[in-house]
Amino acid sequence: MLQSPTNPILPAPHKVTSDRHHNAMEAYWREVRSIEEEGEEEEDEEERQSVDEVEMEETWLKEAGLSFLVSGITSSEASLPLPEAVISTLTHQQAAIVRTRLDTYNETLRKRNRQPLRDVREIFAEPEDKSAELCPSPPPHSPDSLPGRYHTTTKTIRRSAHRVRSTPPIFVFEDQLTEHPSCSSLKAPLANTNPSAPVLSISPPACCWRRADWLLRDSPYSEGVAEHRLSSTCWDCRTFQGDLSGKLQGLTVVDDLSPRDLTRVGFISHIELSTFLLALGVQTKRSRRPRTKAQEGTVFGVTLKSLLENDRKKFPGVKIPVVFQKFLSILEQSGLQMEGILRVPASVARLKYLRRELDRHPEVFDWSAVRQVDAAGLLKLFIRELPTPLLTYTHLPTFRSLIGISSELHQVQALQLLTLLLPEAHRETLRALLVFLRKVVSHQDQNRMSLWNVSMVMAPNLFSQCNHGKRHSLAKQREEMEEAMGGAQLIQLMIQHQDLLWTIPNFLLAQVRQLNQASNQKQLILSRTRTYLLKKKKNQNDGNQITKLCEGVIQVHAPQHTKVSMAIQLEEKTTAKDVTARFEGQNSPPQHLYEVGGNICERRLHPDCLLLGVYKVNPCCDWVIKPGPVSPLTAGDLKS
């Protein structure tokens, strides 16, 4: 029986006995029967056919930001870089995955007498030794070469060999040099071929937790699998324990990045996830999206995107459907201490009545008549009836495939990469749900809903069952039982480590910086020249201004303040909140410091972020002070 680890935020679950295991499984099958009673239709086997191979590879390449390879049309969107720029930022393992996918796509087209738009050799130069492609640890490179981890054999990049891109930041822990089993690879930073480029090897912030250093490394998760496969474990797996919330200060989360940078994070996450799962020996296969009947209602069976478009007419900027927030608000106000919350089913007839009334008259619906048990039932019904599941048809098979991963850390890492791929509406709604579920578990002494019980109840709602009501052999029933347990285990991990799911590991941010730099070289040069000329002109007009910033000095701009700008000398421990404090008044709203331009579009810096590290990684960025974001929906709005 799976047992959840101790969690400092969630109460430590009691030891799971056979009776508790039986009760949890009873709750699971009771939830399944409740779903059947509500009359959900079964899905035809034909509608779950596997996706055609060409369609599958084409979709994969598009989701990796390589649409030009299969469509032949360059998108006008600035968020879509050229494929050569994407590939130039990948590791050898990641590039090998892309090459294999493109090769398979082109070969399948040829078999069907269709000419591919781009030959794989146009994108990848032939390596001298093919075995080097799949080597997790490439041989040492000469001092004149680029870092060996990164794939740099695209013909476009070779033609522009005079343009040197900087290496990503290397985070070296002092104790790693003596404790980490693989510390030999960390004793010296990767060679930097550009003498004028900033040194990117910086010390981690003092607030970072030693056991979470895998979030701070510049090496992708896929490169850490080799040690695990050799000995069935690795350093990170042995030291991974408990909850990391409160230990992630200074790191970047999805809300901190601009839409353009977040799109590019998705491209790299998509490629890395495939590389990571292949290295772990996990096979995934997508299914064709089933046909769904058009819904006549205005709430249930409506896509999250449509709901948000309607809600934003009244609440601009809202990220989570208002009706979903209403369900959560009712449960949080008076249902967290109710025994069996989420587990105790509501009356089927009453749920149908409430659903009908809410679909017909959502603007004048009487929310005061909704009891806690009704809100719980409506919440689960809303999730199940989404035309596109909360975890999406695209990614549900991959979520299910994670059940077979033996390492809990690797499951969490894969879940993190997967949630970064979800559309914004689905990701934000999932985040709100997980926050609520964590609150339910934190009251388990009153509501008798442990972490495992909550996970078992929510499993059939998030991982929809395709075979309700069908009789199967004993072996098939055992398989369904294992799937139920595995799905509950994934939800348990998502509740426990939800703060990690929205955190962007440093290797992804470093690769996005490289992608921006590779795809915007001309624009970056023009921007630097224009900025320099403007600063020079301004300094000439004001003799009291500093003519040239010294090393380690940044110019912070605050266009909405009386202090329009300020030069600040960065010290080793200078944080973002140290800078914003100089611009905040007694009654002024919270301010945030943003890193703008250079090798990033825009990034909001965490208050505890050490600025000297950012300065070394992106010395040409602008530093801008902006007010904090305003919540588009308040508790008072929900009550109205």
Foldseek 3Di string as FASTA:
>chain_A
DDAAFDAPQFHHDDDQDPVNVVVLVVLLVVLLVVVVVLPDDFFDPVLFAFDDLLVVLQVLCVLLLANCQQPVDDDPDPLRFHPLLLQQLAFLLLNVVNLVSSQSNQVVCVVVVHHGPDDSCQFFPDDPDVVQSNDLDHDDDDLQDDFNGGDHGGPVCVVVVVDFDFAFAAEDDPVCCPPFPPCVVVPDDTRTNDPPAFHQHDYDDPLADPLPCVLAGQDAPLSQLVVCVVPVHHDSLVSDGYECPVRQFFFFFPVFADPSLLSNLSSVLSSSLVSNCVSLVFDFTATRQGDDDDDPFDQALEALVSQVVVVCVVQPPDQERLVLVLLLVQCVVPNLLAACQLSDADDSVVLVVLVVCCRVCVPPRDSVPQHRNSSSNVNLSRQQSHSAHLLGSGCLRVLLSLLPRPRPVSSLSSLLSSLSNDPRSSSVSVLVVLVSLSSSSNNCVRHVQHLLSSLLSCLCSRNPDNQRPDDDDPVVVVVVVSSSNSSSVSSSSCSRHVVSSRTRRSNSVSSLLSSLCSRCVVVQVVVLVVVLVVLCVVCVVPVVDDNDDDPQWAWEAECVAPCGIDIDRADQQDFQLNVQVVGDDPPDADKWKWWDDASGHIGTTRRRHRVVSVCSSGVRTHIYIDGDDDHSDDPVNSVD
